[in-house]
Amino acid sequence: WRSMQADEISERDYWKTRTREVGQLVGEDWQDMSTFVQRARGADPQAVVRPEAVRAIDIAHQAGVRLAILSNELDLFYGKSFRERLPLLSLFETIVDATYTKILKPNARAYAMVGEALHLPLSACVFVDDQKRNVDGAIAAGMPTVHFDVARPARSYAEALAHFGLTLS
């Protein structure tokens, strides 16, 4: 984890290593990160989505905020069928997934792809992430940001909505 945070290895390399290690711990040969994620979280993606996330996304969508996802490994982690199994994703106008682009956060080009897909300047987008290195990358790219606190999700979602004059309640 520390090596990844220090940019000594990529996030993808970190998770590939963890996948193999955890698979070995349970006596199996795991090569695909989707195996690791599905075994750890179960087969129902809706069950692991925070209620605050659903509420915040719905509030933003209903207010006309254009939604996008910038992910380093969405399909690589969860498998291609994940998108059909999580209806919430249909509210997002675009998903920029490094599974296919091969450009991972915090590379400035990853953030630029979101602006290009939405036809918006990055200054009009709000980037939310739980990893400081990715937040720092977004700031360097010119995006307003929210450093998501996994211990206080409601506060982080409220902060994101506040950028658009919206509230979580």
N, C-alpha and C. Protein backbone atom coordinates (compact mmCIF):
# COMPACT_ATOMS: atom_id res chain seq x y z
N TRP A 1 0.83 -1.19 0.00
CA TRP A 1 0.00 0.00 0.00
C TRP A 1 0.87 1.24 0.00
N ARG A 2 1.88 1.23 0.87
CA ARG A 2 2.76 2.40 0.94
C ARG A 2 3.51 2.62 -0.36
N SER A 3 3.93 1.54 -1.00
CA SER A 3 4.64 1.67 -2.28
C SER A 3 3.73 2.27 -3.34
N MET A 4 2.46 1.88 -3.33
CA MET A 4 1.52 2.45 -4.30
C MET A 4 1.29 3.92 -4.00
N GLN A 5 1.08 4.26 -2.74
CA GLN A 5 0.84 5.65 -2.37
C GLN A 5 2.04 6.53 -2.70
N ALA A 6 3.23 5.93 -2.68
CA ALA A 6 4.46 6.68 -3.01
C ALA A 6 4.76 6.64 -4.51
N ASP A 7 3.84 6.09 -5.31
CA ASP A 7 4.00 5.99 -6.77
C ASP A 7 5.18 5.11 -7.18
N GLU A 8 5.55 4.16 -6.32
CA GLU A 8 6.61 3.22 -6.67
C GLU A 8 6.06 2.05 -7.49
N ILE A 9 4.79 1.74 -7.27
CA ILE A 9 4.09 0.73 -8.08
C ILE A 9 2.72 1.31 -8.42
N SER A 10 2.09 0.77 -9.46
CA SER A 10 0.76 1.27 -9.84
C SER A 10 -0.31 0.66 -8.93
N GLU A 11 -1.46 1.29 -8.91
CA GLU A 11 -2.58 0.75 -8.16
C GLU A 11 -2.95 -0.64 -8.69
N ARG A 12 -2.89 -0.77 -9.98
CA ARG A 12 -3.21 -2.05 -10.59
C ARG A 12 -2.24 -3.14 -10.12
N ASP A 13 -0.94 -2.83 -10.07
CA ASP A 13 0.03 -3.82 -9.60
C ASP A 13 -0.21 -4.18 -8.13
N TYR A 14 -0.57 -3.18 -7.34
CA TYR A 14 -0.88 -3.43 -5.93
C TYR A 14 -2.01 -4.45 -5.82
N TRP A 15 -3.11 -4.21 -6.53
CA TRP A 15 -4.26 -5.09 -6.41
C TRP A 15 -4.03 -6.46 -7.04
N LYS A 16 -3.23 -6.53 -8.09
CA LYS A 16 -2.89 -7.85 -8.65
C LYS A 16 -2.13 -8.68 -7.63
N THR A 17 -1.21 -8.05 -6.93
CA THR A 17 -0.44 -8.75 -5.90
C THR A 17 -1.35 -9.20 -4.77
N ARG A 18 -2.23 -8.32 -4.29
CA ARG A 18 -3.16 -8.68 -3.21
C ARG A 18 -4.07 -9.82 -3.66
N THR A 19 -4.53 -9.79 -4.90
CA THR A 19 -5.41 -10.84 -5.42
C THR A 19 -4.72 -12.20 -5.33
N ARG A 20 -3.50 -12.27 -5.82
CA ARG A 20 -2.76 -13.54 -5.78
C ARG A 20 -2.52 -14.00 -4.34
N GLU A 21 -2.14 -13.05 -3.47
CA GLU A 21 -1.85 -13.40 -2.07
C GLU A 21 -3.08 -13.92 -1.34
N VAL A 22 -4.21 -13.26 -1.50
CA VAL A 22 -5.43 -13.68 -0.81
C VAL A 22 -5.91 -15.02 -1.37
N GLY A 23 -5.82 -15.19 -2.67
CA GLY A 23 -6.17 -16.47 -3.26
C GLY A 23 -5.34 -17.60 -2.67
N GLN A 24 -4.04 -17.37 -2.53
CA GLN A 24 -3.16 -18.38 -1.93
C GLN A 24 -3.55 -18.67 -0.49
N LEU A 25 -3.95 -17.64 0.25
CA LEU A 25 -4.36 -17.83 1.65
C LEU A 25 -5.56 -18.75 1.78
N VAL A 26 -6.44 -18.74 0.79
CA VAL A 26 -7.61 -19.62 0.84
C VAL A 26 -7.41 -20.88 0.00
N GLY A 27 -6.16 -21.10 -0.43
CA GLY A 27 -5.83 -22.32 -1.15
C GLY A 27 -6.28 -22.35 -2.59
N GLU A 28 -6.41 -21.17 -3.21
CA GLU A 28 -6.85 -21.09 -4.60
C GLU A 28 -5.88 -20.24 -5.41
N ASP A 29 -5.96 -20.38 -6.71
CA ASP A 29 -5.11 -19.61 -7.62
C ASP A 29 -5.95 -18.51 -8.27
N TRP A 30 -5.92 -17.33 -7.66
CA TRP A 30 -6.67 -16.20 -8.19
C TRP A 30 -5.76 -15.36 -9.06
N GLN A 31 -6.14 -15.19 -10.31
CA GLN A 31 -5.39 -14.36 -11.23
C GLN A 31 -6.16 -13.10 -11.62
N ASP A 32 -7.48 -13.15 -11.51
CA ASP A 32 -8.33 -12.02 -11.90
C ASP A 32 -8.79 -11.25 -10.67
N MET A 33 -8.63 -9.93 -10.72
CA MET A 33 -9.06 -9.11 -9.59
C MET A 33 -10.56 -9.23 -9.36
N SER A 34 -11.32 -9.49 -10.41
CA SER A 34 -12.77 -9.62 -10.23
C SER A 34 -13.10 -10.81 -9.32
N THR A 35 -12.28 -11.86 -9.36
CA THR A 35 -12.48 -12.99 -8.46
C THR A 35 -12.32 -12.55 -7.01
N PHE A 36 -11.27 -11.79 -6.75
CA PHE A 36 -11.01 -11.27 -5.41
C PHE A 36 -12.17 -10.41 -4.92
N VAL A 37 -12.59 -9.47 -5.73
CA VAL A 37 -13.65 -8.54 -5.33
C VAL A 37 -14.96 -9.29 -5.11
N GLN A 38 -15.31 -10.18 -6.02
CA GLN A 38 -16.57 -10.89 -5.89
C GLN A 38 -16.57 -11.82 -4.69
N ARG A 39 -15.44 -12.43 -4.40
CA ARG A 39 -15.36 -13.31 -3.23
C ARG A 39 -15.40 -12.51 -1.94
N ALA A 40 -14.80 -11.33 -1.95
CA ALA A 40 -14.77 -10.49 -0.75
C ALA A 40 -16.10 -9.80 -0.50
N ARG A 41 -16.75 -9.36 -1.55
CA ARG A 41 -17.96 -8.53 -1.40
C ARG A 41 -19.24 -9.25 -1.76
N GLY A 42 -19.15 -10.40 -2.35
CA GLY A 42 -20.35 -11.11 -2.75
C GLY A 42 -20.74 -10.77 -4.18
N ALA A 43 -21.75 -11.46 -4.66
CA ALA A 43 -22.14 -11.33 -6.07
C ALA A 43 -23.14 -10.21 -6.32
N ASP A 44 -23.70 -9.64 -5.25
CA ASP A 44 -24.71 -8.59 -5.41
C ASP A 44 -24.07 -7.22 -5.20
N PRO A 45 -23.77 -6.50 -6.27
CA PRO A 45 -23.11 -5.20 -6.10
C PRO A 45 -23.96 -4.18 -5.36
N GLN A 46 -25.27 -4.27 -5.48
CA GLN A 46 -26.15 -3.32 -4.80
C GLN A 46 -25.98 -3.40 -3.28
N ALA A 47 -25.62 -4.58 -2.78
CA ALA A 47 -25.50 -4.78 -1.34
C ALA A 47 -24.32 -4.02 -0.73
N VAL A 48 -23.35 -3.62 -1.53
CA VAL A 48 -22.18 -2.94 -0.98
C VAL A 48 -22.16 -1.44 -1.29
N VAL A 49 -23.19 -0.94 -1.94
CA VAL A 49 -23.26 0.49 -2.23
C VAL A 49 -23.81 1.21 -1.00
N ARG A 50 -23.10 2.21 -0.57
CA ARG A 50 -23.53 2.98 0.61
C ARG A 50 -24.86 3.67 0.34
N PRO A 51 -25.78 3.62 1.30
CA PRO A 51 -27.07 4.32 1.11
C PRO A 51 -26.87 5.81 0.85
N GLU A 52 -25.86 6.40 1.49
CA GLU A 52 -25.58 7.82 1.27
C GLU A 52 -25.17 8.08 -0.17
N ALA A 53 -24.48 7.12 -0.77
CA ALA A 53 -24.07 7.26 -2.17
C ALA A 53 -25.29 7.28 -3.07
N VAL A 54 -26.19 6.35 -2.84
CA VAL A 54 -27.41 6.28 -3.65
C VAL A 54 -28.18 7.59 -3.53
N ARG A 55 -28.33 8.08 -2.30
CA ARG A 55 -29.07 9.32 -2.08
C ARG A 55 -28.39 10.50 -2.75
N ALA A 56 -27.07 10.62 -2.58
CA ALA A 56 -26.34 11.75 -3.16
C ALA A 56 -26.39 11.72 -4.68
N ILE A 57 -26.21 10.56 -5.26
CA ILE A 57 -26.25 10.43 -6.72
C ILE A 57 -27.64 10.78 -7.24
N ASP A 58 -28.66 10.30 -6.56
CA ASP A 58 -30.03 10.60 -6.98
C ASP A 58 -30.33 12.10 -6.87
N ILE A 59 -29.90 12.73 -5.78
CA ILE A 59 -30.12 14.17 -5.61
C ILE A 59 -29.44 14.95 -6.73
N ALA A 60 -28.19 14.61 -7.00
CA ALA A 60 -27.45 15.31 -8.06
C ALA A 60 -28.12 15.09 -9.41
N HIS A 61 -28.48 13.86 -9.70
CA HIS A 61 -29.10 13.55 -10.99
C HIS A 61 -30.43 14.29 -11.15
N GLN A 62 -31.25 14.27 -10.12
CA GLN A 62 -32.55 14.96 -10.18
C GLN A 62 -32.39 16.46 -10.37
N ALA A 63 -31.27 17.01 -9.88
CA ALA A 63 -31.01 18.45 -10.02
C ALA A 63 -30.38 18.80 -11.36
N GLY A 64 -30.13 17.79 -12.18
CA GLY A 64 -29.56 18.04 -13.50
C GLY A 64 -28.04 18.07 -13.55
N VAL A 65 -27.40 17.65 -12.46
CA VAL A 65 -25.94 17.58 -12.46
C VAL A 65 -25.52 16.41 -13.36
N ARG A 66 -24.60 16.67 -14.24
CA ARG A 66 -24.12 15.62 -15.14
C ARG A 66 -23.09 14.78 -14.38
N LEU A 67 -23.31 13.48 -14.38
CA LEU A 67 -22.49 12.58 -13.58
C LEU A 67 -21.55 11.77 -14.46
N ALA A 68 -20.35 11.55 -13.94
CA ALA A 68 -19.35 10.74 -14.64
C ALA A 68 -18.58 9.93 -13.61
N ILE A 69 -18.03 8.84 -14.05
CA ILE A 69 -17.15 8.03 -13.22
C ILE A 69 -15.79 7.98 -13.89
N LEU A 70 -14.76 8.21 -13.10
CA LEU A 70 -13.38 8.01 -13.53
C LEU A 70 -12.82 6.91 -12.64
N SER A 71 -12.61 5.74 -13.21
CA SER A 71 -12.19 4.58 -12.44
C SER A 71 -10.90 4.00 -13.00
N ASN A 72 -10.05 3.59 -12.10
CA ASN A 72 -8.83 2.92 -12.55
C ASN A 72 -9.10 1.48 -12.95
N GLU A 73 -10.12 0.85 -12.39
CA GLU A 73 -10.31 -0.58 -12.63
C GLU A 73 -11.75 -1.05 -12.51
N LEU A 74 -12.71 -0.32 -12.95
CA LEU A 74 -14.10 -0.72 -12.74
C LEU A 74 -14.38 -2.12 -13.29
N ASP A 75 -14.21 -2.32 -14.56
CA ASP A 75 -14.51 -3.63 -15.15
C ASP A 75 -13.46 -4.67 -14.77
N LEU A 76 -12.21 -4.24 -14.59
CA LEU A 76 -11.16 -5.18 -14.20
C LEU A 76 -11.45 -5.74 -12.81
N PHE A 77 -11.92 -4.91 -11.90
CA PHE A 77 -12.24 -5.34 -10.54
C PHE A 77 -13.53 -6.14 -10.47
N TYR A 78 -14.55 -5.64 -11.12
CA TYR A 78 -15.89 -6.17 -10.89
C TYR A 78 -16.41 -7.06 -12.02
N GLY A 79 -15.73 -7.07 -13.15
CA GLY A 79 -16.20 -7.82 -14.30
C GLY A 79 -17.14 -6.98 -15.14
N LYS A 80 -17.22 -7.31 -16.42
CA LYS A 80 -18.01 -6.51 -17.35
C LYS A 80 -19.50 -6.51 -17.03
N SER A 81 -19.99 -7.60 -16.45
CA SER A 81 -21.43 -7.69 -16.17
C SER A 81 -21.86 -6.78 -15.02
N PHE A 82 -20.90 -6.25 -14.28
CA PHE A 82 -21.21 -5.39 -13.13
C PHE A 82 -22.11 -4.22 -13.51
N ARG A 83 -21.84 -3.63 -14.64
CA ARG A 83 -22.60 -2.44 -15.06
C ARG A 83 -24.09 -2.75 -15.21
N GLU A 84 -24.42 -3.94 -15.69
CA GLU A 84 -25.83 -4.31 -15.84
C GLU A 84 -26.45 -4.67 -14.49
N ARG A 85 -25.63 -5.12 -13.55
CA ARG A 85 -26.14 -5.56 -12.25
C ARG A 85 -26.26 -4.43 -11.24
N LEU A 86 -25.82 -3.23 -11.61
CA LEU A 86 -25.93 -2.08 -10.71
C LEU A 86 -26.66 -0.96 -11.44
N PRO A 87 -27.98 -0.92 -11.34
CA PRO A 87 -28.78 0.07 -12.09
C PRO A 87 -28.37 1.51 -11.83
N LEU A 88 -27.82 1.79 -10.66
CA LEU A 88 -27.39 3.15 -10.32
C LEU A 88 -26.42 3.72 -11.37
N LEU A 89 -25.64 2.86 -11.98
CA LEU A 89 -24.66 3.32 -12.97
C LEU A 89 -25.32 3.91 -14.21
N SER A 90 -26.58 3.60 -14.44
CA SER A 90 -27.26 4.15 -15.62
C SER A 90 -27.48 5.66 -15.49
N LEU A 91 -27.33 6.20 -14.28
CA LEU A 91 -27.48 7.64 -14.08
C LEU A 91 -26.24 8.43 -14.49
N PHE A 92 -25.16 7.72 -14.76
CA PHE A 92 -23.91 8.37 -15.14
C PHE A 92 -23.83 8.52 -16.65
N GLU A 93 -23.54 9.73 -17.07
CA GLU A 93 -23.47 10.04 -18.50
C GLU A 93 -22.29 9.35 -19.16
N THR A 94 -21.21 9.25 -18.44
CA THR A 94 -20.02 8.61 -19.01
C THR A 94 -19.24 7.89 -17.92
N ILE A 95 -18.58 6.82 -18.31
CA ILE A 95 -17.67 6.10 -17.42
C ILE A 95 -16.34 5.99 -18.15
N VAL A 96 -15.33 6.61 -17.59
CA VAL A 96 -13.98 6.53 -18.13
C VAL A 96 -13.25 5.51 -17.27
N ASP A 97 -12.96 4.35 -17.84
CA ASP A 97 -12.41 3.22 -17.10
C ASP A 97 -11.03 2.86 -17.64
N ALA A 98 -10.03 2.95 -16.78
CA ALA A 98 -8.66 2.64 -17.20
C ALA A 98 -8.47 1.17 -17.53
N THR A 99 -9.47 0.33 -17.24
CA THR A 99 -9.43 -1.04 -17.72
C THR A 99 -9.20 -1.02 -19.24
N TYR A 100 -9.79 -0.01 -19.89
CA TYR A 100 -9.71 0.10 -21.35
C TYR A 100 -8.77 1.21 -21.81
N THR A 101 -8.76 2.35 -21.11
CA THR A 101 -7.92 3.47 -21.55
C THR A 101 -6.46 3.25 -21.22
N LYS A 102 -6.20 2.44 -20.20
CA LYS A 102 -4.83 2.16 -19.71
C LYS A 102 -4.17 3.38 -19.10
N ILE A 103 -4.94 4.44 -18.86
CA ILE A 103 -4.40 5.65 -18.24
C ILE A 103 -5.01 5.78 -16.85
N LEU A 104 -4.21 5.55 -15.84
CA LEU A 104 -4.69 5.52 -14.47
C LEU A 104 -4.54 6.86 -13.78
N LYS A 105 -5.48 7.16 -12.87
CA LYS A 105 -5.29 8.27 -11.95
C LYS A 105 -4.03 7.96 -11.16
N PRO A 106 -3.22 8.91 -10.85
CA PRO A 106 -3.37 10.35 -10.95
C PRO A 106 -2.79 10.99 -12.21
N ASN A 107 -2.65 10.25 -13.29
CA ASN A 107 -2.17 10.82 -14.54
C ASN A 107 -3.15 11.89 -15.02
N ALA A 108 -2.64 13.06 -15.34
CA ALA A 108 -3.48 14.20 -15.75
C ALA A 108 -4.36 13.86 -16.95
N ARG A 109 -3.90 12.98 -17.82
CA ARG A 109 -4.70 12.62 -19.00
C ARG A 109 -6.00 11.90 -18.61
N ALA A 110 -5.98 11.17 -17.50
CA ALA A 110 -7.20 10.48 -17.06
C ALA A 110 -8.30 11.49 -16.74
N TYR A 111 -7.94 12.54 -16.01
CA TYR A 111 -8.93 13.57 -15.66
C TYR A 111 -9.40 14.31 -16.91
N ALA A 112 -8.47 14.59 -17.81
CA ALA A 112 -8.82 15.29 -19.04
C ALA A 112 -9.85 14.52 -19.85
N MET A 113 -9.77 13.19 -19.83
CA MET A 113 -10.74 12.37 -20.57
C MET A 113 -12.16 12.59 -20.07
N VAL A 114 -12.32 12.83 -18.78
CA VAL A 114 -13.66 13.09 -18.24
C VAL A 114 -14.19 14.41 -18.78
N GLY A 115 -13.37 15.45 -18.72
CA GLY A 115 -13.79 16.74 -19.26
C GLY A 115 -14.13 16.66 -20.73
N GLU A 116 -13.32 15.92 -21.48
CA GLU A 116 -13.58 15.76 -22.91
C GLU A 116 -14.89 15.01 -23.15
N ALA A 117 -15.13 13.95 -22.38
CA ALA A 117 -16.35 13.17 -22.56
C ALA A 117 -17.60 13.99 -22.25
N LEU A 118 -17.49 14.87 -21.26
CA LEU A 118 -18.63 15.71 -20.87
C LEU A 118 -18.68 17.03 -21.63
N HIS A 119 -17.64 17.32 -22.39
CA HIS A 119 -17.52 18.62 -23.07
C HIS A 119 -17.60 19.76 -22.07
N LEU A 120 -16.86 19.58 -20.97
CA LEU A 120 -16.81 20.59 -19.91
C LEU A 120 -15.36 20.87 -19.53
N PRO A 121 -15.08 22.10 -19.11
CA PRO A 121 -13.75 22.35 -18.55
C PRO A 121 -13.64 21.61 -17.22
N LEU A 122 -12.45 21.18 -16.87
CA LEU A 122 -12.28 20.45 -15.61
C LEU A 122 -12.68 21.28 -14.40
N SER A 123 -12.59 22.58 -14.53
CA SER A 123 -12.98 23.46 -13.42
C SER A 123 -14.48 23.41 -13.15
N ALA A 124 -15.26 22.87 -14.08
CA ALA A 124 -16.71 22.74 -13.90
C ALA A 124 -17.10 21.37 -13.34
N CYS A 125 -16.12 20.52 -13.15
CA CYS A 125 -16.36 19.17 -12.63
C CYS A 125 -15.90 19.12 -11.17
N VAL A 126 -16.46 18.22 -10.40
CA VAL A 126 -16.02 18.00 -9.02
C VAL A 126 -15.54 16.56 -8.92
N PHE A 127 -14.30 16.38 -8.52
CA PHE A 127 -13.71 15.05 -8.41
C PHE A 127 -13.77 14.59 -6.96
N VAL A 128 -14.28 13.37 -6.75
CA VAL A 128 -14.40 12.79 -5.42
C VAL A 128 -13.63 11.48 -5.40
N ASP A 129 -12.74 11.33 -4.42
CA ASP A 129 -11.94 10.10 -4.33
C ASP A 129 -11.46 9.94 -2.90
N ASP A 130 -11.24 8.69 -2.50
CA ASP A 130 -10.75 8.45 -1.14
C ASP A 130 -9.23 8.39 -1.06
N GLN A 131 -8.56 8.42 -2.18
CA GLN A 131 -7.09 8.38 -2.17
C GLN A 131 -6.53 9.78 -2.42
N LYS A 132 -5.71 10.22 -1.48
CA LYS A 132 -5.15 11.56 -1.57
C LYS A 132 -4.35 11.75 -2.85
N ARG A 133 -3.63 10.74 -3.27
CA ARG A 133 -2.82 10.87 -4.49
C ARG A 133 -3.70 11.18 -5.70
N ASN A 134 -4.89 10.60 -5.76
CA ASN A 134 -5.81 10.87 -6.86
C ASN A 134 -6.43 12.26 -6.74
N VAL A 135 -6.73 12.66 -5.51
CA VAL A 135 -7.25 14.01 -5.27
C VAL A 135 -6.20 15.04 -5.67
N ASP A 136 -4.95 14.79 -5.27
CA ASP A 136 -3.87 15.70 -5.64
C ASP A 136 -3.72 15.80 -7.16
N GLY A 137 -3.88 14.66 -7.85
CA GLY A 137 -3.82 14.67 -9.31
C GLY A 137 -4.93 15.50 -9.92
N ALA A 138 -6.12 15.41 -9.35
CA ALA A 138 -7.25 16.19 -9.85
C ALA A 138 -7.03 17.68 -9.61
N ILE A 139 -6.50 18.02 -8.45
CA ILE A 139 -6.20 19.43 -8.16
C ILE A 139 -5.19 19.96 -9.17
N ALA A 140 -4.16 19.17 -9.43
CA ALA A 140 -3.14 19.58 -10.41
C ALA A 140 -3.74 19.74 -11.80
N ALA A 141 -4.78 18.96 -12.10
CA ALA A 141 -5.44 19.04 -13.41
C ALA A 141 -6.44 20.20 -13.47
N GLY A 142 -6.71 20.84 -12.34
CA GLY A 142 -7.61 21.99 -12.32
C GLY A 142 -9.04 21.71 -11.89
N MET A 143 -9.24 20.60 -11.19
CA MET A 143 -10.60 20.23 -10.76
C MET A 143 -10.83 20.59 -9.30
N PRO A 144 -12.01 21.08 -8.97
CA PRO A 144 -12.40 21.14 -7.56
C PRO A 144 -12.51 19.70 -7.05
N THR A 145 -12.23 19.48 -5.78
CA THR A 145 -12.17 18.11 -5.28
C THR A 145 -12.84 17.94 -3.92
N VAL A 146 -13.14 16.69 -3.62
CA VAL A 146 -13.55 16.26 -2.29
C VAL A 146 -12.70 15.03 -1.97
N HIS A 147 -11.92 15.13 -0.89
CA HIS A 147 -11.17 13.96 -0.43
C HIS A 147 -12.13 13.15 0.43
N PHE A 148 -12.65 12.08 -0.14
CA PHE A 148 -13.70 11.28 0.48
C PHE A 148 -13.17 10.60 1.74
N ASP A 149 -13.89 10.77 2.84
CA ASP A 149 -13.54 10.15 4.12
C ASP A 149 -14.41 8.92 4.29
N VAL A 150 -13.81 7.73 4.17
CA VAL A 150 -14.59 6.49 4.24
C VAL A 150 -15.22 6.29 5.61
N ALA A 151 -14.68 6.94 6.64
CA ALA A 151 -15.24 6.83 7.98
C ALA A 151 -16.42 7.78 8.18
N ARG A 152 -16.55 8.78 7.31
CA ARG A 152 -17.65 9.76 7.40
C ARG A 152 -18.25 10.00 6.01
N PRO A 153 -18.87 8.97 5.46
CA PRO A 153 -19.36 9.09 4.08
C PRO A 153 -20.41 10.18 3.89
N ALA A 154 -21.33 10.33 4.83
CA ALA A 154 -22.38 11.33 4.66
C ALA A 154 -21.78 12.73 4.56
N ARG A 155 -20.78 13.00 5.36
CA ARG A 155 -20.13 14.31 5.31
C ARG A 155 -19.47 14.54 3.95
N SER A 156 -18.82 13.52 3.44
CA SER A 156 -18.14 13.65 2.14
C SER A 156 -19.13 13.84 1.01
N TYR A 157 -20.23 13.08 1.02
CA TYR A 157 -21.24 13.26 -0.02
C TYR A 157 -21.88 14.63 0.08
N ALA A 158 -22.12 15.10 1.30
CA ALA A 158 -22.68 16.44 1.49
C ALA A 158 -21.73 17.50 0.95
N GLU A 159 -20.44 17.31 1.18
CA GLU A 159 -19.44 18.25 0.66
C GLU A 159 -19.46 18.28 -0.87
N ALA A 160 -19.57 17.11 -1.48
CA ALA A 160 -19.62 17.05 -2.94
C ALA A 160 -20.86 17.76 -3.47
N LEU A 161 -22.00 17.50 -2.87
CA LEU A 161 -23.24 18.13 -3.31
C LEU A 161 -23.20 19.64 -3.12
N ALA A 162 -22.55 20.09 -2.06
CA ALA A 162 -22.47 21.53 -1.78
C ALA A 162 -21.80 22.30 -2.91
N HIS A 163 -20.91 21.65 -3.64
CA HIS A 163 -20.28 22.30 -4.80
C HIS A 163 -21.32 22.73 -5.84
N PHE A 164 -22.47 22.07 -5.82
CA PHE A 164 -23.54 22.37 -6.78
C PHE A 164 -24.73 23.06 -6.11
N GLY A 165 -24.53 23.52 -4.88
CA GLY A 165 -25.61 24.19 -4.15
C GLY A 165 -26.69 23.24 -3.68
N LEU A 166 -26.35 21.96 -3.51
CA LEU A 166 -27.32 20.95 -3.11
C LEU A 166 -26.99 20.43 -1.71
N THR A 167 -27.97 19.81 -1.06
CA THR A 167 -27.76 19.21 0.25
C THR A 167 -28.16 17.75 0.22
N LEU A 168 -27.60 16.99 1.14
CA LEU A 168 -27.85 15.55 1.20
C LEU A 168 -29.21 15.23 1.81
N SER A 169 -29.76 16.12 2.59
CA SER A 169 -31.03 15.82 3.27
C SER A 169 -32.23 15.89 2.36
